Amino acid sequence: MPRDTGTEALARLAEERVDHRFKGLPPDATGLTVAELAAQRRNLFTDGFTTPVLALSAERLEHNLQVMETYAARHGLAFAPHGKTSMAPQLFHRQIEHGAWGITLAVPHQVWVARAFGIQRIFLANELVDPAALRRIAADLAADPGFRFVCYVDSVRGVELMDAALRGAARPVDVVVELAGGEGARTGVRTEVECAAVADAVAGAEHLRLVGVAGYEGEVPAADPERVTAYLRRLTALAAGFDKDGRFAGTDEIVVSAGGSAWFDAVADVFADIPALSRPVLKLLRSGAYVSHDDVHYSRLTPFNRVPEEGALEPAFRLWAQVVSRPSDEQAFANAGKRDAAYDLDRPVAHVVRRDGTERPAAGIEVTALSDQHLWLRTAPEADVAVGDWVGFGLSHPCTSFDKWQMIPVAEADGTVVDYVRTFF
């Protein structure tokens, strides 16, 4: 894959025509290219955008990119943010411009999206046993010497299936043994003895190469600082033990990877203590939700609450919906719902109300339920809200916010829309 393919593919996004696929965009923009619409620098509130519309803050997005770039560099971590959060190649490239080693992904389709936009380093945080997908990976590796691909293995059976599917491959697929967070956790090998058996299977496979170990501390049962730290120390000890046994003889560097968005401070602390191994260690952090952050779930869980001196992330999403019904003093309805807003972890939170160009706090407004296309609002006596008002909501869980929007305006603080982010779910 030529190196300029990513640039060319991003440029083609700007040539896409605005049409019925993209909700919230101005109806009179239909037929314009995305580049033409962006050049108009329309205002989100006064230039024809329709509700519901999800917007990203230009300033907060840039702030979050800089904060995690600084954090990773300060702690000597390579950074492969999880791309499943946004599935937005424009953001992938901005993350890489801000120092990311590459992009983490979860399933083959996401890999194809990243490769279509020129991403050269991909960490697949799953065991990949689909023969068609493996053949596609092998073809990409053969065609592009600069492509680096690493994925999990977590079973002897998986290793056997992978090796069979890769028969005849020109380059081996690099794999890391996934250590589970504990009994009852999600994927991963449960014990160190079983990890050794999986590593032995890789050593006996013709088309796989063991390059490290990995895991996800967010799946540690009843996670707290002590349990998470203990798990991460098991992970780094596993890497050191494998190295002592000569299991990484075929690689130039040893990959040790962990890190969701709730415990990356523990990852940084434990990874700082990895002893000198026989080869350089790529300490790979994979936190992904930071790019937009959120107003509820990760705002509560972010490690920056524990280490505020290290920085702070800012919620970059705002969902704008319009009040379309005010049946009583205690109730109102806005025209957004489950099709538009994340609701799997927490309900949206009303922040501001706009009327006649004036914005004020959304005092006394609470989201109590979501229908497919309505937000149910409980309105206290102090709530000043009327039919026609725009209400700006904060969202929880970025991963289930991005996926509801194919085109997301990026707006500056005064509402000027300066870009549009295209997603591929």
Protein backbone atom coordinates (compact mmCIF):
# COMPACT_ATOMS: atom_id res chain seq x y z
CA MET A 1 0.00 0.00 0.00
CA PRO A 2 1.63 3.30 -1.04
CA ARG A 3 2.39 5.69 1.78
CA ASP A 4 0.32 8.51 0.29
CA THR A 5 -2.81 6.36 0.15
CA GLY A 6 -3.95 7.67 3.55
CA THR A 7 -3.64 11.28 2.43
CA GLU A 8 -5.46 10.58 -0.81
CA ALA A 9 -8.25 8.69 0.95
CA LEU A 10 -8.75 11.54 3.42
CA ALA A 11 -8.89 13.98 0.53
CA ARG A 12 -11.60 11.87 -1.08
CA LEU A 13 -13.69 12.23 2.09
CA ALA A 14 -13.74 15.97 1.48
CA GLU A 15 -15.09 15.31 -2.04
CA GLU A 16 -18.08 13.34 -0.73
CA ARG A 17 -21.44 14.94 -1.47
CA VAL A 18 -23.75 16.02 1.33
CA ASP A 19 -27.07 14.18 1.08
CA HIS A 20 -29.76 12.31 3.00
CA ARG A 21 -27.24 9.97 4.68
CA PHE A 22 -26.01 12.66 7.04
CA LYS A 23 -28.51 13.76 9.66
CA GLY A 24 -28.37 17.21 11.19
CA LEU A 25 -26.63 18.89 8.27
CA PRO A 26 -28.30 21.90 6.59
CA PRO A 27 -30.92 20.82 4.03
CA ASP A 28 -29.75 23.51 1.61
CA ALA A 29 -26.24 21.98 1.66
CA THR A 30 -27.44 18.93 -0.28
CA GLY A 31 -25.23 18.46 -3.30
CA LEU A 32 -22.27 20.38 -1.92
CA THR A 33 -19.06 18.52 -1.25
CA VAL A 34 -18.00 18.28 2.36
CA ALA A 35 -15.06 20.56 1.51
CA GLU A 36 -17.37 23.16 0.02
CA LEU A 37 -19.64 23.06 3.07
CA ALA A 38 -16.66 23.33 5.43
CA ALA A 39 -15.32 26.31 3.48
CA GLN A 40 -18.58 28.16 4.16
CA ARG A 41 -17.81 28.05 7.90
CA ARG A 42 -21.48 27.95 8.76
CA ASN A 43 -22.69 28.57 12.28
CA LEU A 44 -24.15 25.55 14.01
CA PHE A 45 -27.01 27.60 15.50
CA THR A 46 -27.94 30.11 12.80
CA ASP A 47 -26.98 28.66 9.42
CA GLY A 48 -29.43 25.86 8.77
CA PHE A 49 -28.31 22.88 10.85
CA THR A 50 -31.30 20.83 11.98
CA THR A 51 -31.90 19.01 15.23
CA PRO A 52 -30.93 16.60 16.49
CA VAL A 53 -27.30 17.29 15.67
CA LEU A 54 -24.18 16.00 17.41
CA ALA A 55 -21.17 18.30 17.41
CA LEU A 56 -17.57 17.99 18.54
CA SER A 57 -15.80 20.92 20.14
CA ALA A 58 -12.80 21.88 18.03
CA GLU A 59 -10.94 23.31 21.01
CA ARG A 60 -11.64 20.42 23.38
CA LEU A 61 -10.80 17.81 20.78
CA GLU A 62 -7.39 19.39 20.23
CA HIS A 63 -6.89 19.76 23.99
CA ASN A 64 -7.55 16.05 24.60
CA LEU A 65 -5.17 15.01 21.81
CA GLN A 66 -2.43 17.12 23.34
CA VAL A 67 -3.04 15.93 26.90
CA MET A 68 -2.65 12.24 26.08
CA GLU A 69 0.30 12.89 23.78
CA THR A 70 2.04 14.62 26.67
CA TYR A 71 1.04 11.94 29.18
CA ALA A 72 2.33 9.06 27.06
CA ALA A 73 5.62 10.84 26.33
CA ARG A 74 6.13 11.76 29.98
CA HIS A 75 5.77 8.14 31.03
CA GLY A 76 7.77 6.58 28.22
CA LEU A 77 4.75 4.84 26.74
CA ALA A 78 4.04 4.10 23.10
CA PHE A 79 0.40 4.87 22.37
CA ALA A 80 -2.03 2.93 20.16
CA PRO A 81 -5.43 4.43 21.03
CA HIS A 82 -8.40 2.16 20.47
CA GLY A 83 -9.98 3.17 17.18
CA LYS A 84 -13.28 1.38 17.86
CA THR A 85 -14.24 4.45 19.90
CA SER A 86 -14.60 6.77 16.93
CA MET A 87 -14.03 4.67 13.77
CA ALA A 88 -13.07 8.01 12.25
CA PRO A 89 -9.95 7.87 10.04
CA GLN A 90 -9.57 11.65 10.25
CA LEU A 91 -9.21 11.27 14.01
CA PHE A 92 -6.89 8.28 13.60
CA HIS A 93 -4.52 10.48 11.62
CA ARG A 94 -4.76 13.32 14.12
CA GLN A 95 -3.95 10.87 16.90
CA ILE A 96 -0.89 9.69 14.97
CA GLU A 97 0.13 13.30 14.32
CA HIS A 98 -0.04 13.71 18.09
CA GLY A 99 2.49 10.97 18.66
CA ALA A 100 0.49 7.74 18.52
CA TRP A 101 2.49 4.66 17.50
CA GLY A 102 -0.52 3.26 15.67
CA ILE A 103 -4.18 2.39 16.17
CA THR A 104 -5.77 -0.43 18.18
CA LEU A 105 -8.80 -2.16 16.68
CA ALA A 106 -11.10 -5.03 17.59
CA VAL A 107 -12.49 -6.79 14.49
CA PRO A 108 -11.46 -7.30 10.84
CA HIS A 109 -13.84 -4.71 9.37
CA GLN A 110 -12.18 -2.03 11.49
CA VAL A 111 -8.79 -3.14 10.16
CA TRP A 112 -10.01 -2.76 6.58
CA VAL A 113 -11.19 0.77 7.33
CA ALA A 114 -7.87 1.72 8.87
CA ARG A 115 -5.90 0.19 6.01
CA ALA A 116 -8.07 1.99 3.43
CA PHE A 117 -6.89 5.22 5.04
CA GLY A 118 -3.22 4.30 5.17
CA ILE A 119 -2.78 3.30 8.83
CA GLN A 120 0.56 1.47 8.95
CA ARG A 121 0.58 0.07 12.49
CA ILE A 122 -2.40 -1.84 13.84
CA PHE A 123 -2.80 -3.69 17.13
CA LEU A 124 -5.80 -6.03 17.06
CA ALA A 125 -7.00 -6.56 20.63
CA ASN A 126 -8.66 -9.88 19.86
CA GLU A 127 -7.71 -13.35 18.75
CA LEU A 128 -8.30 -13.52 15.00
CA VAL A 129 -9.35 -16.95 13.71
CA ASP A 130 -11.42 -16.07 10.64
CA PRO A 131 -9.64 -17.64 7.63
CA ALA A 132 -10.78 -15.02 5.11
CA ALA A 133 -9.67 -12.18 7.36
CA LEU A 134 -6.32 -13.83 8.02
CA ARG A 135 -5.73 -14.30 4.30
CA ARG A 136 -6.46 -10.60 3.78
CA ILE A 137 -3.99 -9.69 6.56
CA ALA A 138 -1.36 -11.96 5.00
CA ALA A 139 -1.87 -10.32 1.60
CA ASP A 140 -1.49 -6.85 3.10
CA LEU A 141 1.68 -7.89 4.91
CA ALA A 142 3.11 -9.35 1.71
CA ALA A 143 2.25 -6.28 -0.36
CA ASP A 144 3.40 -3.65 2.11
CA PRO A 145 6.74 -4.12 3.91
CA GLY A 146 5.95 -1.10 6.09
CA PHE A 147 2.74 -2.58 7.49
CA ARG A 148 3.01 -3.73 11.13
CA PHE A 149 0.21 -5.90 12.49
CA VAL A 150 0.01 -7.47 15.95
CA CYS A 151 -2.90 -9.44 17.39
CA TYR A 152 -3.86 -11.48 20.44
CA VAL A 153 -3.73 -15.22 20.86
CA ASP A 154 -5.49 -16.77 23.83
CA SER A 155 -5.80 -20.50 23.07
CA VAL A 156 -3.89 -23.39 21.57
CA ARG A 157 -6.88 -24.04 19.33
CA GLY A 158 -6.78 -20.45 18.11
CA VAL A 159 -3.09 -20.74 17.29
CA GLU A 160 -3.76 -23.90 15.27
CA LEU A 161 -6.59 -22.27 13.34
CA MET A 162 -4.51 -19.18 12.59
CA ASP A 163 -1.53 -21.16 11.39
CA ALA A 164 -3.69 -23.31 9.11
CA ALA A 165 -5.39 -20.27 7.59
CA LEU A 166 -2.03 -18.58 6.96
CA ARG A 167 -0.49 -21.53 5.10
CA GLY A 168 1.76 -20.13 2.36
CA ALA A 169 1.91 -16.61 3.83
CA ALA A 170 5.02 -14.63 2.89
CA ARG A 171 5.39 -12.98 6.32
CA PRO A 172 4.50 -14.33 9.74
CA VAL A 173 1.76 -12.66 11.75
CA ASP A 174 3.01 -11.17 15.00
CA VAL A 175 1.05 -12.25 18.07
CA VAL A 176 0.95 -11.51 21.79
CA VAL A 177 -0.42 -13.87 24.42
CA GLU A 178 -3.40 -12.31 26.15
CA LEU A 179 -3.48 -12.78 29.92
CA ALA A 180 -7.04 -12.59 31.25
CA GLY A 181 -7.94 -10.13 33.98
CA GLY A 182 -8.97 -13.01 36.23
CA GLU A 183 -11.63 -15.67 36.60
CA GLY A 184 -14.89 -14.40 35.22
CA ALA A 185 -13.15 -11.77 33.12
CA ARG A 186 -13.66 -11.47 29.38
CA THR A 187 -11.18 -13.05 26.94
CA GLY A 188 -7.63 -14.16 27.66
CA VAL A 189 -5.70 -17.10 29.07
CA ARG A 190 -6.57 -17.66 32.72
CA THR A 191 -3.29 -18.97 34.15
CA GLU A 192 0.42 -18.56 33.52
CA VAL A 193 0.74 -22.30 32.90
CA GLU A 194 -1.85 -22.05 30.13
CA CYS A 195 -0.06 -18.96 28.78
CA ALA A 196 3.09 -21.05 28.42
CA ALA A 197 1.13 -23.72 26.53
CA VAL A 198 -0.18 -21.08 24.11
CA ALA A 199 3.35 -19.70 23.68
CA ASP A 200 4.61 -23.23 22.97
CA ALA A 201 1.92 -23.59 20.31
CA VAL A 202 3.06 -20.34 18.68
CA ALA A 203 6.65 -21.57 18.70
CA GLY A 204 5.51 -24.65 16.81
CA ALA A 205 3.49 -22.66 14.27
CA GLU A 206 5.06 -21.89 10.92
CA HIS A 207 3.26 -18.63 10.24
CA LEU A 208 3.08 -16.94 13.66
CA ARG A 209 5.73 -15.08 15.63
CA LEU A 210 5.49 -14.44 19.37
CA VAL A 211 6.41 -10.81 20.09
CA GLY A 212 4.99 -10.14 23.54
CA VAL A 213 2.13 -10.26 26.02
CA ALA A 214 -0.95 -8.12 26.51
CA GLY A 215 -4.15 -7.75 28.49
CA TYR A 216 -6.91 -5.43 29.58
CA GLU A 217 -6.96 -4.35 33.19
CA GLY A 218 -10.47 -2.92 32.83
CA GLU A 219 -11.80 -6.50 33.02
CA VAL A 220 -10.25 -7.26 36.41
CA PRO A 221 -13.19 -8.42 38.59
CA ALA A 222 -14.12 -5.88 41.28
CA ALA A 223 -11.37 -3.62 39.96
CA ASP A 224 -9.67 -1.34 42.44
CA PRO A 225 -6.11 0.05 42.52
CA GLU A 226 -4.72 -2.94 44.36
CA ARG A 227 -6.34 -5.59 42.17
CA VAL A 228 -5.50 -3.76 38.96
CA THR A 229 -1.88 -3.27 40.00
CA ALA A 230 -1.58 -6.93 40.97
CA TYR A 231 -2.91 -8.00 37.58
CA LEU A 232 -0.55 -5.67 35.70
CA ARG A 233 2.38 -7.04 37.70
CA ARG A 234 1.35 -10.56 36.65
CA LEU A 235 1.39 -9.34 33.06
CA THR A 236 4.86 -7.81 33.25
CA ALA A 237 6.18 -10.85 35.15
CA LEU A 238 4.80 -13.04 32.37
CA ALA A 239 6.76 -10.99 29.82
CA ALA A 240 9.95 -11.27 31.89
CA GLY A 241 9.47 -15.01 32.34
CA PHE A 242 8.88 -15.60 28.65
CA ASP A 243 11.99 -13.56 27.87
CA LYS A 244 14.08 -15.54 30.36
CA ASP A 245 12.91 -18.71 28.63
CA GLY A 246 14.05 -17.38 25.25
CA ARG A 247 10.55 -17.19 23.77
CA PHE A 248 11.17 -13.85 22.05
CA ALA A 249 14.26 -14.90 20.10
CA GLY A 250 12.62 -14.16 16.77
CA THR A 251 11.74 -10.49 17.41
CA ASP A 252 13.66 -7.23 17.64
CA GLU A 253 11.44 -5.78 20.39
CA ILE A 254 9.14 -7.15 23.06
CA VAL A 255 5.57 -5.82 23.15
CA VAL A 256 3.92 -5.39 26.54
CA SER A 257 0.49 -3.85 26.17
CA ALA A 258 -2.47 -2.87 28.35
CA GLY A 259 -4.52 0.17 29.08
CA GLY A 260 -8.15 1.19 28.84
CA SER A 261 -9.44 4.63 29.75
CA ALA A 262 -10.02 4.03 33.47
CA TRP A 263 -6.65 2.74 34.75
CA PHE A 264 -3.90 4.07 32.51
CA ASP A 265 -2.20 5.64 35.54
CA ALA A 266 -1.73 2.14 37.01
CA VAL A 267 -0.42 0.94 33.64
CA ALA A 268 2.12 3.78 33.58
CA ASP A 269 3.26 3.03 37.13
CA VAL A 270 3.67 -0.72 36.64
CA PHE A 271 5.19 -0.49 33.18
CA ALA A 272 7.79 1.93 34.55
CA ASP A 273 9.08 -0.96 36.66
CA ILE A 274 9.52 -3.47 33.81
CA PRO A 275 13.08 -4.75 34.25
CA ALA A 276 15.65 -4.71 31.47
CA LEU A 277 14.88 -7.54 29.08
CA SER A 278 16.93 -9.10 26.29
CA ARG A 279 15.38 -6.74 23.75
CA PRO A 280 13.89 -3.24 23.82
CA VAL A 281 10.37 -3.18 25.26
CA LEU A 282 7.50 -1.48 23.43
CA LYS A 283 5.26 -0.39 26.31
CA LEU A 284 2.01 0.01 24.43
CA LEU A 285 -0.93 1.88 25.96
CA ARG A 286 -4.32 1.50 24.24
CA SER A 287 -6.73 3.99 25.87
CA GLY A 288 -9.23 5.28 23.30
CA ALA A 289 -12.13 7.16 24.89
CA TYR A 290 -9.94 10.19 25.65
CA VAL A 291 -10.34 11.60 22.13
CA SER A 292 -13.80 12.94 22.93
CA HIS A 293 -13.96 12.02 26.63
CA ASP A 294 -17.51 12.33 28.02
CA ASP A 295 -19.71 14.01 30.61
CA VAL A 296 -20.60 11.09 32.88
CA HIS A 297 -18.95 7.65 32.73
CA TYR A 298 -15.33 8.49 31.94
CA SER A 299 -15.58 11.85 33.68
CA ARG A 300 -16.07 9.77 36.84
CA LEU A 301 -13.49 7.09 36.02
CA THR A 302 -10.64 9.00 34.37
CA PRO A 303 -7.28 8.51 36.08
CA PHE A 304 -6.77 12.26 35.90
CA ASN A 305 -9.18 12.48 38.85
CA ARG A 306 -6.53 10.58 40.85
CA VAL A 307 -3.55 12.44 39.39
CA PRO A 308 -4.85 15.95 38.59
CA GLU A 309 -1.31 17.29 38.38
CA GLU A 310 -0.89 15.23 35.19
CA GLY A 311 -3.62 17.12 33.31
CA ALA A 312 -7.33 16.84 32.61
CA LEU A 313 -9.51 15.73 29.74
CA GLU A 314 -12.52 17.73 28.61
CA PRO A 315 -15.85 16.41 27.27
CA ALA A 316 -15.90 17.32 23.57
CA PHE A 317 -19.37 16.09 22.54
CA ARG A 318 -22.57 18.08 22.70
CA LEU A 319 -25.87 16.78 21.37
CA TRP A 320 -28.27 19.54 20.39
CA ALA A 321 -31.97 18.71 20.36
CA GLN A 322 -35.05 20.89 20.11
CA VAL A 323 -37.97 20.97 22.51
CA VAL A 324 -40.98 19.83 20.48
CA SER A 325 -43.55 19.34 23.23
CA ARG A 326 -44.21 20.91 26.64
CA PRO A 327 -47.36 19.12 27.79
CA SER A 328 -47.13 20.24 31.42
CA ASP A 329 -45.08 22.32 33.83
CA GLU A 330 -43.32 19.15 34.93
CA GLN A 331 -42.52 17.64 31.56
CA ALA A 332 -41.05 18.37 28.15
CA PHE A 333 -39.86 16.34 25.19
CA ALA A 334 -36.88 16.92 22.91
CA ASN A 335 -36.47 15.45 19.43
CA ALA A 336 -33.48 13.17 20.07
CA GLY A 337 -33.49 9.64 21.40
CA LYS A 338 -31.87 6.23 21.30
CA ARG A 339 -31.03 6.68 17.61
CA ASP A 340 -28.94 9.73 18.46
CA ALA A 341 -27.55 9.50 22.00
CA ALA A 342 -25.60 6.96 24.02
CA TYR A 343 -27.77 5.39 26.69
CA ASP A 344 -26.13 2.05 27.52
CA LEU A 345 -24.33 3.34 30.62
CA ASP A 346 -25.97 6.64 31.53
CA ARG A 347 -28.64 8.99 30.26
CA PRO A 348 -27.71 12.28 28.57
CA VAL A 349 -27.30 15.30 30.85
CA ALA A 350 -28.87 18.67 30.00
CA HIS A 351 -26.28 21.45 30.16
CA VAL A 352 -27.55 24.53 28.35
CA VAL A 353 -30.67 25.99 26.74
CA ARG A 354 -30.54 28.30 23.70
CA ARG A 355 -33.34 30.71 22.80
CA ASP A 356 -33.12 33.70 20.45
CA GLY A 357 -29.33 33.47 20.33
CA THR A 358 -28.91 33.48 24.10
CA GLU A 359 -27.48 30.52 26.00
CA ARG A 360 -28.12 29.81 29.67
CA PRO A 361 -27.65 26.87 32.06
CA ALA A 362 -30.26 24.12 31.81
CA ALA A 363 -31.30 24.48 35.43
CA GLY A 364 -34.01 22.11 36.59
CA ILE A 365 -33.98 19.90 33.47
CA GLU A 366 -33.35 16.17 33.86
CA VAL A 367 -33.49 13.38 31.28
CA THR A 368 -35.59 10.61 32.78
CA ALA A 369 -36.01 8.26 29.79
CA LEU A 370 -35.28 7.80 26.09
CA SER A 371 -37.61 6.64 23.35
CA ASP A 372 -36.36 5.95 19.86
CA GLN A 373 -36.68 9.62 18.88
CA HIS A 374 -37.55 11.47 22.09
CA LEU A 375 -35.77 12.50 25.25
CA TRP A 376 -38.16 12.61 28.21
CA LEU A 377 -37.39 15.69 30.28
CA ARG A 378 -38.49 16.28 33.86
CA THR A 379 -38.73 20.03 34.40
CA ALA A 380 -38.53 21.50 37.88
CA PRO A 381 -40.14 24.88 38.74
CA GLU A 382 -36.89 26.71 37.97
CA ALA A 383 -36.65 25.23 34.47
CA ASP A 384 -37.03 27.93 31.82
CA VAL A 385 -37.69 25.90 28.68
CA ALA A 386 -40.24 26.29 25.90
CA VAL A 387 -41.19 24.64 22.65
CA GLY A 388 -38.62 25.61 20.03
CA ASP A 389 -35.68 25.95 22.44
CA TRP A 390 -32.46 24.13 21.62
CA VAL A 391 -31.07 22.10 24.52
CA GLY A 392 -27.42 21.05 24.61
CA PHE A 393 -26.82 17.66 26.22
CA GLY A 394 -23.65 16.02 27.45
CA LEU A 395 -23.28 12.31 26.69
CA SER A 396 -21.79 9.27 28.38
CA HIS A 397 -19.66 6.52 26.77
CA PRO A 398 -18.04 7.82 23.55
CA CYS A 399 -18.03 4.36 21.94
CA THR A 400 -21.83 4.36 21.71
CA SER A 401 -22.04 8.04 20.77
CA PHE A 402 -19.85 8.12 17.67
CA ASP A 403 -21.55 5.07 16.18
CA LYS A 404 -24.89 6.82 15.79
CA TRP A 405 -23.55 9.53 13.48
CA GLN A 406 -21.96 9.18 10.04
CA MET A 407 -20.95 12.84 9.78
CA ILE A 408 -20.17 14.97 12.83
CA PRO A 409 -19.64 18.73 12.63
CA VAL A 410 -16.61 20.09 14.48
CA ALA A 411 -17.54 23.48 15.91
CA GLU A 412 -15.54 26.24 17.54
CA ALA A 413 -16.77 27.82 20.75
CA ASP A 414 -18.83 30.46 18.91
CA GLY A 415 -20.57 27.78 16.84
CA THR A 416 -18.50 28.16 13.67
CA VAL A 417 -18.25 24.73 12.03
CA VAL A 418 -14.71 24.25 10.76
CA ASP A 419 -14.65 20.56 9.83
CA TYR A 420 -16.74 17.41 9.49
CA VAL A 421 -15.68 14.03 10.87
CA ARG A 422 -16.78 10.96 8.89
CA THR A 423 -17.27 7.68 10.77
CA PHE A 424 -17.29 4.09 9.47
CA PHE A 425 -19.17 1.65 11.69
